[in-house]
Amino acid sequence: MSGWELVTGWIRASTVPVEPIAADDAHREAALEQLEITTNSPLGAIVRRTAGLSVDHGWLRVLGAGGSEQLEDGVNEWSERTGLLIVAHDVAGGFFSWDEERGVLYHAPDSRQAEDLGGRGYSDWLEGMLTGNLAKFYAAERFAGWAEETKRLSGDEGFSQYPPRGTKEAATGDVDRRGVPMTELWALFTSS
């Protein structure tokens, strides 16, 4: 089974809306060549086929080639910017990186630490996020009206002044949120 067949199977089985974001063919091919990964892997397939995936109304952005008005920066741009293989980011200002030895890590906006997700590889992580773990993973961060507010952001933006996990403000949405570039949220993550 090809990488893309795996991804589309997980999209069909997803418990949340998943939208592949289109990018032009030349950009996708160049991004795949730069990444030096096969399309037999889900990551390679996403880079070759899409700018990325918008998951659950855009709450999570699984990075592909980028190069779209909806999602300009892809895996390669984030890797060059951070020195890490950033494979996804979320509107809360969190980032997911993949490390061959440690698996997928979550760079949490509240703790500003790279949290181990149990050594899960990219494929296991992606399948889990698309087919059931997403709502559970973000349960403490969702607020009333989150889906509508999230839809207003581009794929390259997240919320500023996002309330920390588990706080009363996070649950009620009683906070001043605005869309800011994800690059600004990464700068906040690395400033500690």
Foldseek 3Di string as FASTA:
>chain_A
DALVVLVVVLCVLFPAHKDFAAADQVLLVVQLVVVVDDRSHVQSVSSRGGCFMQTRLNQKTFGHSAHDPLGNDGQVNVCVVPVFRWGMDGQLLKTWTQDPAQAIWICDLPVLDTHRPPSHHPSRVSSCCGNPCVCVVCVQQAEVPNSVVSNVEGSQWHWPPRDDGPDPCSHHVPTDIDIDGSVVSVCSSPPD
